[in-house]
Amino acid sequence: MWVVDRVEGAIAVLVRDEDERTEDVSVRALPAGSREGSVLRVPELDGGPDWAAAVLDEDARRDRLRAAAEVLERLRRRDPGGNIKL
C-alpha cells in the first residue's frame, strides 16, 4: 500500500508502507479523489507500481486516522501540562 504524503502542485509524493520508499507521481495519474492522507492499493507491473491501476482504500485510511487519534489521546493523558523545565 502507498500513502499520499503531500501534494506539491501537480506532483503527489507517495510513501510505500513496506519500506518507506517515496515516489513522485503526477496527480493526474492517481485515482480521482486522491488527496494528502489517501491510502492507495497499487499493483506492481514490470517491477514497479502501476499507478493507472491504483485504487483508493478508504477503510484503510479511516483505520489509520483512528489509530493515530488513539496514540495522540494516550500521549495527552500522560502529559502533565505546564512549562517544560530544562
N, C-alpha and C. Protein backbone atom coordinates (compact mmCIF):
# COMPACT_ATOMS: atom_id res chain seq x y z
N MET A 1 0.84 -1.17 0.00
CA MET A 1 0.00 0.00 0.00
C MET A 1 0.89 1.24 0.00
N TRP A 2 0.35 2.29 -0.57
CA TRP A 2 1.03 3.58 -0.65
C TRP A 2 0.13 4.63 0.00
N VAL A 3 0.76 5.66 0.57
CA VAL A 3 0.01 6.76 1.18
C VAL A 3 0.47 8.06 0.54
N VAL A 4 -0.50 8.92 0.20
CA VAL A 4 -0.16 10.24 -0.32
C VAL A 4 0.32 11.07 0.87
N ASP A 5 1.62 11.34 0.89
CA ASP A 5 2.22 12.11 1.98
C ASP A 5 1.90 13.60 1.83
N ARG A 6 2.07 14.09 0.62
CA ARG A 6 1.80 15.51 0.36
C ARG A 6 1.62 15.73 -1.14
N VAL A 7 1.02 16.88 -1.45
CA VAL A 7 0.85 17.26 -2.85
C VAL A 7 1.56 18.59 -3.03
N GLU A 8 2.44 18.62 -4.01
CA GLU A 8 3.21 19.83 -4.32
C GLU A 8 2.89 20.23 -5.75
N GLY A 9 1.90 21.07 -5.90
CA GLY A 9 1.47 21.47 -7.23
C GLY A 9 0.81 20.30 -7.94
N ALA A 10 1.37 19.91 -9.09
CA ALA A 10 0.81 18.81 -9.88
C ALA A 10 1.44 17.47 -9.53
N ILE A 11 2.30 17.45 -8.50
CA ILE A 11 3.01 16.23 -8.13
C ILE A 11 2.58 15.79 -6.73
N ALA A 12 2.28 14.50 -6.59
CA ALA A 12 1.98 13.91 -5.29
C ALA A 12 3.20 13.11 -4.85
N VAL A 13 3.57 13.24 -3.60
CA VAL A 13 4.66 12.46 -3.03
C VAL A 13 4.03 11.32 -2.24
N LEU A 14 4.31 10.09 -2.68
CA LEU A 14 3.74 8.92 -2.05
C LEU A 14 4.80 8.14 -1.29
N VAL A 15 4.38 7.47 -0.21
CA VAL A 15 5.28 6.66 0.61
C VAL A 15 4.73 5.25 0.64
N ARG A 16 5.60 4.28 0.34
CA ARG A 16 5.19 2.88 0.36
C ARG A 16 5.32 2.34 1.79
N ASP A 17 4.31 1.61 2.23
CA ASP A 17 4.28 1.08 3.59
C ASP A 17 5.47 0.18 3.91
N GLU A 18 5.75 -0.77 3.06
CA GLU A 18 6.69 -1.83 3.43
C GLU A 18 8.11 -1.36 3.68
N ASP A 19 8.55 -0.30 3.00
CA ASP A 19 9.94 0.13 3.17
C ASP A 19 10.11 1.65 3.23
N GLU A 20 9.00 2.38 3.28
CA GLU A 20 9.00 3.83 3.34
C GLU A 20 9.67 4.49 2.14
N ARG A 21 9.75 3.76 1.05
CA ARG A 21 10.26 4.34 -0.20
C ARG A 21 9.30 5.43 -0.65
N THR A 22 9.84 6.52 -1.18
CA THR A 22 8.99 7.59 -1.69
C THR A 22 9.06 7.63 -3.20
N GLU A 23 8.00 8.13 -3.78
CA GLU A 23 7.96 8.29 -5.23
C GLU A 23 7.11 9.51 -5.56
N ASP A 24 7.59 10.31 -6.50
CA ASP A 24 6.84 11.46 -7.00
C ASP A 24 6.00 11.01 -8.19
N VAL A 25 4.71 11.32 -8.12
CA VAL A 25 3.78 10.86 -9.16
C VAL A 25 2.88 12.03 -9.55
N SER A 26 2.59 12.12 -10.83
CA SER A 26 1.66 13.15 -11.30
C SER A 26 0.30 12.92 -10.64
N VAL A 27 -0.30 13.99 -10.15
CA VAL A 27 -1.63 13.90 -9.54
C VAL A 27 -2.62 13.30 -10.54
N ARG A 28 -2.44 13.61 -11.81
CA ARG A 28 -3.36 13.10 -12.84
C ARG A 28 -3.29 11.58 -13.01
N ALA A 29 -2.19 10.97 -12.56
CA ALA A 29 -2.04 9.52 -12.68
C ALA A 29 -2.74 8.77 -11.54
N LEU A 30 -3.16 9.49 -10.52
CA LEU A 30 -3.78 8.86 -9.35
C LEU A 30 -5.30 8.81 -9.50
N PRO A 31 -5.94 7.94 -8.72
CA PRO A 31 -7.41 7.87 -8.79
C PRO A 31 -8.06 9.19 -8.40
N ALA A 32 -9.20 9.47 -9.00
CA ALA A 32 -9.96 10.68 -8.65
C ALA A 32 -10.25 10.67 -7.16
N GLY A 33 -10.12 11.81 -6.52
CA GLY A 33 -10.38 11.93 -5.10
C GLY A 33 -9.16 11.73 -4.23
N SER A 34 -8.01 11.41 -4.84
CA SER A 34 -6.78 11.24 -4.06
C SER A 34 -6.37 12.59 -3.48
N ARG A 35 -5.95 12.57 -2.21
CA ARG A 35 -5.52 13.79 -1.53
C ARG A 35 -4.52 13.38 -0.46
N GLU A 36 -3.94 14.37 0.22
CA GLU A 36 -3.00 14.06 1.29
C GLU A 36 -3.67 13.14 2.30
N GLY A 37 -2.98 12.06 2.65
CA GLY A 37 -3.52 11.08 3.59
C GLY A 37 -4.25 9.93 2.94
N SER A 38 -4.51 10.02 1.63
CA SER A 38 -5.19 8.91 0.94
C SER A 38 -4.31 7.67 0.96
N VAL A 39 -4.96 6.52 1.14
CA VAL A 39 -4.27 5.24 1.09
C VAL A 39 -4.64 4.57 -0.23
N LEU A 40 -3.63 4.13 -0.96
CA LEU A 40 -3.84 3.53 -2.27
C LEU A 40 -3.34 2.09 -2.30
N ARG A 41 -4.11 1.23 -2.89
CA ARG A 41 -3.66 -0.13 -3.19
C ARG A 41 -3.16 -0.07 -4.63
N VAL A 42 -1.89 -0.39 -4.81
CA VAL A 42 -1.26 -0.23 -6.12
C VAL A 42 -0.60 -1.54 -6.52
N PRO A 43 -1.09 -2.16 -7.59
CA PRO A 43 -0.43 -3.40 -8.05
C PRO A 43 0.93 -3.10 -8.68
N GLU A 44 1.78 -4.10 -8.68
CA GLU A 44 3.09 -3.98 -9.33
C GLU A 44 2.97 -4.41 -10.79
N LEU A 45 3.70 -3.73 -11.64
CA LEU A 45 3.75 -4.06 -13.06
C LEU A 45 5.17 -3.86 -13.55
N ASP A 46 5.77 -4.91 -14.06
CA ASP A 46 7.16 -4.85 -14.56
C ASP A 46 8.11 -4.30 -13.50
N GLY A 47 7.94 -4.73 -12.25
CA GLY A 47 8.85 -4.34 -11.20
C GLY A 47 8.62 -2.98 -10.58
N GLY A 48 7.54 -2.32 -10.96
CA GLY A 48 7.24 -1.00 -10.40
C GLY A 48 5.76 -0.83 -10.19
N PRO A 49 5.37 0.23 -9.50
CA PRO A 49 3.94 0.46 -9.25
C PRO A 49 3.18 0.80 -10.53
N ASP A 50 1.99 0.24 -10.66
CA ASP A 50 1.12 0.52 -11.79
C ASP A 50 0.09 1.55 -11.35
N TRP A 51 0.46 2.82 -11.44
CA TRP A 51 -0.40 3.89 -10.94
C TRP A 51 -1.74 3.93 -11.64
N ALA A 52 -1.80 3.50 -12.90
CA ALA A 52 -3.07 3.52 -13.64
C ALA A 52 -4.08 2.55 -13.04
N ALA A 53 -3.60 1.54 -12.32
CA ALA A 53 -4.49 0.54 -11.72
C ALA A 53 -4.70 0.77 -10.22
N ALA A 54 -4.18 1.87 -9.69
CA ALA A 54 -4.30 2.16 -8.26
C ALA A 54 -5.76 2.42 -7.89
N VAL A 55 -6.12 2.00 -6.68
CA VAL A 55 -7.47 2.25 -6.16
C VAL A 55 -7.37 2.80 -4.74
N LEU A 56 -8.28 3.71 -4.42
CA LEU A 56 -8.34 4.28 -3.07
C LEU A 56 -8.85 3.22 -2.10
N ASP A 57 -8.31 3.20 -0.89
CA ASP A 57 -8.77 2.30 0.16
C ASP A 57 -9.20 3.17 1.35
N GLU A 58 -10.47 3.57 1.33
CA GLU A 58 -11.00 4.47 2.36
C GLU A 58 -11.05 3.79 3.73
N ASP A 59 -11.31 2.48 3.77
CA ASP A 59 -11.33 1.78 5.05
C ASP A 59 -9.96 1.83 5.71
N ALA A 60 -8.91 1.62 4.94
CA ALA A 60 -7.54 1.66 5.48
C ALA A 60 -7.21 3.09 5.95
N ARG A 61 -7.66 4.08 5.21
CA ARG A 61 -7.41 5.48 5.61
C ARG A 61 -8.09 5.78 6.95
N ARG A 62 -9.35 5.37 7.09
CA ARG A 62 -10.06 5.60 8.35
C ARG A 62 -9.40 4.85 9.51
N ASP A 63 -8.96 3.61 9.26
CA ASP A 63 -8.28 2.84 10.30
C ASP A 63 -7.01 3.54 10.76
N ARG A 64 -6.25 4.08 9.83
CA ARG A 64 -5.02 4.78 10.17
C ARG A 64 -5.29 6.05 10.96
N LEU A 65 -6.32 6.79 10.56
CA LEU A 65 -6.68 8.00 11.29
C LEU A 65 -7.12 7.67 12.71
N ARG A 66 -7.90 6.60 12.85
CA ARG A 66 -8.36 6.19 14.17
C ARG A 66 -7.17 5.78 15.05
N ALA A 67 -6.24 5.03 14.50
CA ALA A 67 -5.06 4.60 15.26
C ALA A 67 -4.22 5.80 15.68
N ALA A 68 -4.05 6.76 14.79
CA ALA A 68 -3.27 7.97 15.12
C ALA A 68 -3.97 8.77 16.21
N ALA A 69 -5.28 8.87 16.16
CA ALA A 69 -6.03 9.60 17.18
C ALA A 69 -5.88 8.92 18.54
N GLU A 70 -5.86 7.60 18.56
CA GLU A 70 -5.69 6.86 19.82
C GLU A 70 -4.31 7.12 20.42
N VAL A 71 -3.28 7.14 19.58
CA VAL A 71 -1.93 7.43 20.07
C VAL A 71 -1.87 8.83 20.65
N LEU A 72 -2.43 9.79 19.94
CA LEU A 72 -2.43 11.18 20.44
C LEU A 72 -3.17 11.29 21.77
N GLU A 73 -4.27 10.59 21.90
CA GLU A 73 -5.03 10.65 23.15
C GLU A 73 -4.22 10.05 24.30
N ARG A 74 -3.53 8.95 24.07
CA ARG A 74 -2.67 8.36 25.11
C ARG A 74 -1.57 9.33 25.52
N LEU A 75 -0.98 10.00 24.54
CA LEU A 75 0.07 10.97 24.85
C LEU A 75 -0.49 12.15 25.64
N ARG A 76 -1.66 12.62 25.30
CA ARG A 76 -2.28 13.73 26.02
C ARG A 76 -2.55 13.36 27.48
N ARG A 77 -2.98 12.13 27.71
CA ARG A 77 -3.27 11.70 29.09
C ARG A 77 -2.00 11.65 29.94
N ARG A 78 -0.86 11.36 29.31
CA ARG A 78 0.41 11.28 30.05
C ARG A 78 1.03 12.64 30.29
N ASP A 79 0.63 13.64 29.51
CA ASP A 79 1.23 14.97 29.60
C ASP A 79 0.72 15.69 30.85
N PRO A 80 1.62 16.05 31.78
CA PRO A 80 1.20 16.74 32.99
C PRO A 80 0.84 18.21 32.75
N GLY A 81 1.16 18.72 31.56
CA GLY A 81 0.87 20.13 31.25
C GLY A 81 1.92 21.03 31.85
N GLY A 82 1.76 22.31 31.63
CA GLY A 82 2.70 23.28 32.19
C GLY A 82 3.93 23.43 31.33
N ASN A 83 4.85 24.23 31.84
CA ASN A 83 6.09 24.51 31.13
C ASN A 83 7.07 23.35 31.29
N ILE A 84 7.92 23.19 30.32
CA ILE A 84 8.97 22.18 30.36
C ILE A 84 10.19 22.80 31.03
N LYS A 85 10.75 22.10 31.99
CA LYS A 85 11.96 22.57 32.66
C LYS A 85 13.15 21.84 32.08
N LEU A 86 14.11 22.60 31.60
CA LEU A 86 15.32 22.00 31.02
C LEU A 86 16.47 22.07 31.98
